[in-house]
Amino acid sequence: LHYWPDFRGPPQSGNRCAFTHCTNALVDDLNIFVGEVAHIHAVLKKDARFDTAKSDDDLRHYDNLILLCHAHHKRVDAREDLYTAGALRAMKTEHEALYEKGQFAIDDSVLAQATLQIVQEDWEPYLDSAVDLIYSTLEDGFISQAKMNHVSRNVASISDAQLFVVYTKLFQSLKPADQIDLYREQEVWINQRISYSESCIESHGGSLAPLEYNEAFVEFTKKRINELTGRLKPANT
């Protein structure tokens, strides 16, 4: 629903999936939105019917969106050779023509679900203590390289979880077009982190290599956490 700014306004759906002859409801008897907002032209290059000529505004415009049930959303994206942009647009037009005079309205509770944040502003798991506990296992006697590697891998995983929380909070605070930009930016950054971590390995083929990789991974991740946190604060003030 992030890409549909006018979610309140499509009574044309008739509360039914727009796929031809489908009668699956979009909002169930408990007023839960169980349908899916599908893109006729995909937002991401890897997805169905992506068109480089489309701007971000074009992609999130009502004309580029079609309401489908889960099964038919999967179907049209899996077989874009059968369900072209033109075919989906015609399907949408035909479907809406059936309900253009309908009075179906979406309950406010459904709209509330659509705007709920994934992560609350005042909730952030405190994971630093978990890192301290993991490192404390290195204090007793002789520590094998394998154990050090295992510890460093766990610390890297925790730092990645901390980044995920900050990234999610920032993502949900942005406008749709900016969310797309952040998503693409993060894809590039993840590849950069892998390259950086690999470049920090000096003991290629040795038992120390995993530790070197993980330490670089944590260093790179912490910088990203600080960067995204800095961008998040202005959005919350």
Protein backbone atom coordinates (compact mmCIF):
# COMPACT_ATOMS: atom_id res chain seq x y z
CA LEU A 1 0.00 0.00 0.00
CA HIS A 2 3.00 2.31 0.23
CA TYR A 3 2.69 3.07 -3.49
CA TRP A 4 -1.03 3.83 -3.39
CA PRO A 5 -1.54 7.24 -1.80
CA ASP A 6 -5.30 7.20 -2.50
CA PHE A 7 -6.15 3.80 -1.01
CA ARG A 8 -9.49 5.08 0.32
CA GLY A 9 -10.72 5.84 -3.18
CA PRO A 10 -11.15 2.65 -5.28
CA PRO A 11 -14.74 1.45 -4.80
CA GLN A 12 -14.34 0.36 -8.44
CA SER A 13 -12.80 -2.87 -7.16
CA GLY A 14 -16.13 -4.09 -5.80
CA ASN A 15 -14.07 -5.78 -3.10
CA ARG A 16 -13.02 -8.39 -5.65
CA CYS A 17 -9.70 -9.37 -7.25
CA ALA A 18 -9.43 -7.73 -10.68
CA PHE A 19 -8.23 -10.91 -12.40
CA THR A 20 -10.83 -12.00 -14.97
CA HIS A 21 -13.60 -14.13 -13.40
CA CYS A 22 -11.93 -14.18 -9.97
CA THR A 23 -14.29 -13.64 -7.04
CA ASN A 24 -11.74 -13.61 -4.20
CA ALA A 25 -12.40 -10.80 -1.71
CA LEU A 26 -9.86 -8.07 -1.04
CA VAL A 27 -11.20 -7.33 2.44
CA ASP A 28 -12.48 -10.29 4.44
CA ASP A 29 -15.33 -10.63 6.93
CA LEU A 30 -13.10 -9.34 9.76
CA ASN A 31 -12.31 -6.16 7.81
CA ILE A 32 -8.76 -7.37 7.18
CA PHE A 33 -7.20 -6.38 3.86
CA VAL A 34 -6.18 -9.74 2.39
CA GLY A 35 -5.70 -8.60 -1.19
CA GLU A 36 -2.51 -7.23 -2.70
CA VAL A 37 -1.67 -4.04 -4.57
CA ALA A 38 0.14 -5.18 -7.72
CA HIS A 39 2.20 -3.03 -10.04
CA ILE A 40 1.45 -3.20 -13.76
CA HIS A 41 4.98 -1.94 -14.40
CA ALA A 42 7.34 -3.11 -11.66
CA VAL A 43 9.23 -0.75 -9.36
CA LEU A 44 12.44 -2.81 -9.46
CA LYS A 45 14.42 -3.91 -12.50
CA LYS A 46 14.34 -7.56 -11.50
CA ASP A 47 10.55 -7.68 -11.31
CA ALA A 48 7.86 -8.20 -13.94
CA ARG A 49 7.18 -5.64 -16.68
CA PHE A 50 9.83 -3.15 -15.54
CA ASP A 51 10.00 -0.16 -17.87
CA THR A 52 12.97 2.21 -17.75
CA ALA A 53 10.81 4.96 -19.28
CA LYS A 54 8.57 5.08 -16.21
CA SER A 55 9.31 7.63 -13.49
CA ASP A 56 8.78 6.99 -9.78
CA ASP A 57 5.62 9.08 -9.96
CA ASP A 58 4.36 6.95 -12.86
CA LEU A 59 5.06 3.75 -10.95
CA ARG A 60 3.08 4.70 -7.86
CA HIS A 61 0.24 6.37 -9.75
CA TYR A 62 -3.22 4.78 -9.53
CA ASP A 63 -3.08 3.96 -13.25
CA ASN A 64 -0.09 1.65 -12.66
CA LEU A 65 -1.76 -0.31 -9.84
CA ILE A 66 -4.20 -3.18 -9.86
CA LEU A 67 -5.82 -4.93 -6.90
CA LEU A 68 -5.39 -8.70 -6.98
CA CYS A 69 -5.65 -11.66 -4.66
CA HIS A 70 -2.36 -13.30 -3.61
CA ALA A 71 -2.65 -16.20 -6.05
CA HIS A 72 -3.27 -14.03 -9.08
CA HIS A 73 -0.58 -11.54 -8.09
CA LYS A 74 1.90 -14.42 -8.11
CA ARG A 75 0.51 -15.68 -11.42
CA VAL A 76 0.76 -12.42 -13.37
CA ASP A 77 4.29 -11.74 -12.12
CA ALA A 78 5.48 -15.27 -12.84
CA ARG A 79 4.17 -15.21 -16.43
CA GLU A 80 4.74 -11.70 -17.69
CA ASP A 81 4.88 -13.17 -21.19
CA LEU A 82 1.16 -13.93 -20.86
CA TYR A 83 0.21 -10.98 -18.66
CA THR A 84 1.74 -7.97 -20.34
CA ALA A 85 1.23 -4.41 -19.14
CA GLY A 86 -1.40 -3.93 -21.83
CA ALA A 87 -3.24 -7.10 -20.82
CA LEU A 88 -3.32 -6.09 -17.15
CA ARG A 89 -4.47 -2.58 -17.97
CA ALA A 90 -7.32 -3.96 -20.06
CA MET A 91 -8.20 -6.39 -17.26
CA LYS A 92 -8.30 -3.53 -14.75
CA THR A 93 -10.48 -1.36 -17.01
CA GLU A 94 -12.94 -4.18 -17.63
CA HIS A 95 -13.13 -5.04 -13.93
CA GLU A 96 -13.67 -1.46 -12.76
CA ALA A 97 -16.40 -0.97 -15.35
CA LEU A 98 -18.42 -3.64 -13.54
CA TYR A 99 -18.31 -1.72 -10.26
CA GLU A 100 -18.08 1.92 -11.31
CA LYS A 101 -21.46 2.66 -9.74
CA GLY A 102 -20.93 0.47 -6.70
CA GLN A 103 -21.09 1.69 -3.13
CA PHE A 104 -18.46 -0.57 -1.56
CA ALA A 105 -16.46 1.28 1.10
CA ILE A 106 -13.43 0.16 3.06
CA ASP A 107 -13.75 0.15 6.85
CA ASP A 108 -11.52 2.59 8.75
CA SER A 109 -9.90 -0.32 10.58
CA VAL A 110 -8.54 -1.54 7.24
CA LEU A 111 -7.08 1.87 6.53
CA ALA A 112 -5.47 1.85 9.97
CA GLN A 113 -3.76 -1.46 9.16
CA ALA A 114 -2.40 0.03 5.96
CA THR A 115 -0.72 2.89 7.83
CA LEU A 116 0.70 0.98 10.81
CA GLN A 117 4.44 1.27 11.25
CA ILE A 118 6.50 -1.90 11.17
CA VAL A 119 8.75 -0.78 14.02
CA GLN A 120 7.52 1.65 16.68
CA GLU A 121 9.63 4.75 17.21
CA ASP A 122 10.28 3.98 20.89
CA TRP A 123 11.13 0.28 20.40
CA GLU A 124 14.61 -0.87 19.51
CA PRO A 125 16.03 -4.18 20.77
CA TYR A 126 19.14 -3.60 22.88
CA LEU A 127 21.68 -5.99 21.44
CA ASP A 128 24.94 -4.53 22.78
CA SER A 129 24.64 -6.68 25.90
CA ALA A 130 24.38 -9.76 23.70
CA VAL A 131 27.64 -8.76 22.02
CA ASP A 132 29.31 -8.31 25.41
CA LEU A 133 28.11 -11.75 26.49
CA ILE A 134 29.45 -13.36 23.34
CA TYR A 135 32.85 -11.71 23.77
CA SER A 136 32.96 -12.84 27.41
CA THR A 137 33.22 -16.43 26.19
CA LEU A 138 36.75 -15.60 25.00
CA GLU A 139 38.00 -14.82 28.50
CA ASP A 140 38.33 -18.38 29.79
CA GLY A 141 41.60 -20.17 29.14
CA PHE A 142 42.85 -21.21 25.73
CA ILE A 143 40.62 -20.07 22.90
CA SER A 144 40.85 -21.86 19.57
CA GLN A 145 40.83 -19.97 16.30
CA ALA A 146 37.64 -21.79 15.37
CA LYS A 147 35.88 -20.43 18.46
CA MET A 148 37.12 -16.90 17.78
CA ASN A 149 35.78 -17.19 14.24
CA HIS A 150 32.44 -18.41 15.58
CA VAL A 151 32.21 -15.53 18.04
CA SER A 152 33.06 -12.96 15.39
CA ARG A 153 30.39 -14.40 13.09
CA ASN A 154 27.76 -14.04 15.82
CA VAL A 155 28.79 -10.46 16.51
CA ALA A 156 28.56 -9.71 12.78
CA SER A 157 25.04 -11.16 12.71
CA ILE A 158 23.97 -9.02 15.67
CA SER A 159 25.37 -5.87 14.08
CA ASP A 160 23.42 -6.71 10.93
CA ALA A 161 20.24 -7.06 13.04
CA GLN A 162 20.89 -3.65 14.59
CA LEU A 163 21.27 -2.19 11.11
CA PHE A 164 18.03 -3.82 10.00
CA VAL A 165 16.07 -2.10 12.79
CA VAL A 166 17.49 1.33 11.94
CA TYR A 167 16.98 0.76 8.20
CA THR A 168 13.35 -0.28 8.75
CA LYS A 169 12.60 2.75 10.91
CA LEU A 170 14.08 5.07 8.31
CA PHE A 171 12.29 3.31 5.45
CA GLN A 172 8.86 3.63 7.03
CA SER A 173 9.41 7.35 7.71
CA LEU A 174 9.98 8.15 4.03
CA LYS A 175 7.68 9.00 1.16
CA PRO A 176 7.16 6.21 -1.43
CA ALA A 177 9.64 7.59 -3.99
CA ASP A 178 12.28 8.02 -1.28
CA GLN A 179 11.61 4.47 -0.05
CA ILE A 180 12.48 3.17 -3.51
CA ASP A 181 15.69 5.23 -3.52
CA LEU A 182 16.68 3.90 -0.09
CA TYR A 183 15.97 0.31 -1.14
CA ARG A 184 18.18 0.64 -4.22
CA GLU A 185 20.85 2.44 -2.19
CA GLN A 186 20.88 -0.39 0.34
CA GLU A 187 21.28 -2.99 -2.42
CA VAL A 188 24.42 -1.21 -3.60
CA TRP A 189 25.69 -0.79 -0.03
CA ILE A 190 25.31 -4.51 0.75
CA ASN A 191 27.51 -5.38 -2.22
CA GLN A 192 30.02 -2.75 -1.12
CA ARG A 193 30.13 -4.30 2.35
CA ILE A 194 30.92 -7.71 0.89
CA SER A 195 33.69 -6.26 -1.28
CA TYR A 196 35.17 -4.30 1.62
CA SER A 197 35.11 -7.27 3.99
CA GLU A 198 36.77 -9.49 1.41
CA SER A 199 39.44 -6.85 0.74
CA CYS A 200 40.38 -6.88 4.44
CA ILE A 201 41.32 -10.56 4.40
CA GLU A 202 45.10 -10.94 4.59
CA SER A 203 45.22 -14.63 5.50
CA HIS A 204 43.71 -16.03 2.33
CA GLY A 205 43.12 -19.75 2.76
CA GLY A 206 44.12 -19.57 6.43
CA SER A 207 42.06 -20.13 9.56
CA LEU A 208 42.30 -16.43 10.44
CA ALA A 209 40.46 -15.36 7.28
CA PRO A 210 36.89 -15.64 8.71
CA LEU A 211 37.86 -13.48 11.70
CA GLU A 212 39.36 -10.82 9.44
CA TYR A 213 36.25 -10.84 7.25
CA ASN A 214 33.83 -10.62 10.18
CA GLU A 215 35.70 -7.79 11.90
CA ALA A 216 35.64 -5.76 8.68
CA PHE A 217 31.96 -6.64 8.24
CA VAL A 218 31.14 -5.27 11.72
CA GLU A 219 33.21 -2.11 11.16
CA PHE A 220 31.48 -1.38 7.86
CA THR A 221 28.04 -2.13 9.31
CA LYS A 222 28.51 0.14 12.34
CA LYS A 223 29.37 3.04 10.03
CA ARG A 224 26.14 2.42 8.11
CA ILE A 225 24.14 2.28 11.36
CA ASN A 226 25.52 5.66 12.39
CA GLU A 227 24.84 7.09 8.93
CA LEU A 228 21.21 5.93 8.77
CA THR A 229 20.60 6.93 12.41
CA GLY A 230 21.73 10.44 11.52
CA ARG A 231 19.24 10.54 8.67
CA LEU A 232 16.46 9.17 10.87
CA LYS A 233 16.62 11.76 13.65
CA PRO A 234 15.46 14.72 11.51
CA ALA A 235 12.55 12.61 10.23
CA ASN A 236 11.33 12.00 13.78
CA THR A 237 11.54 15.57 15.02
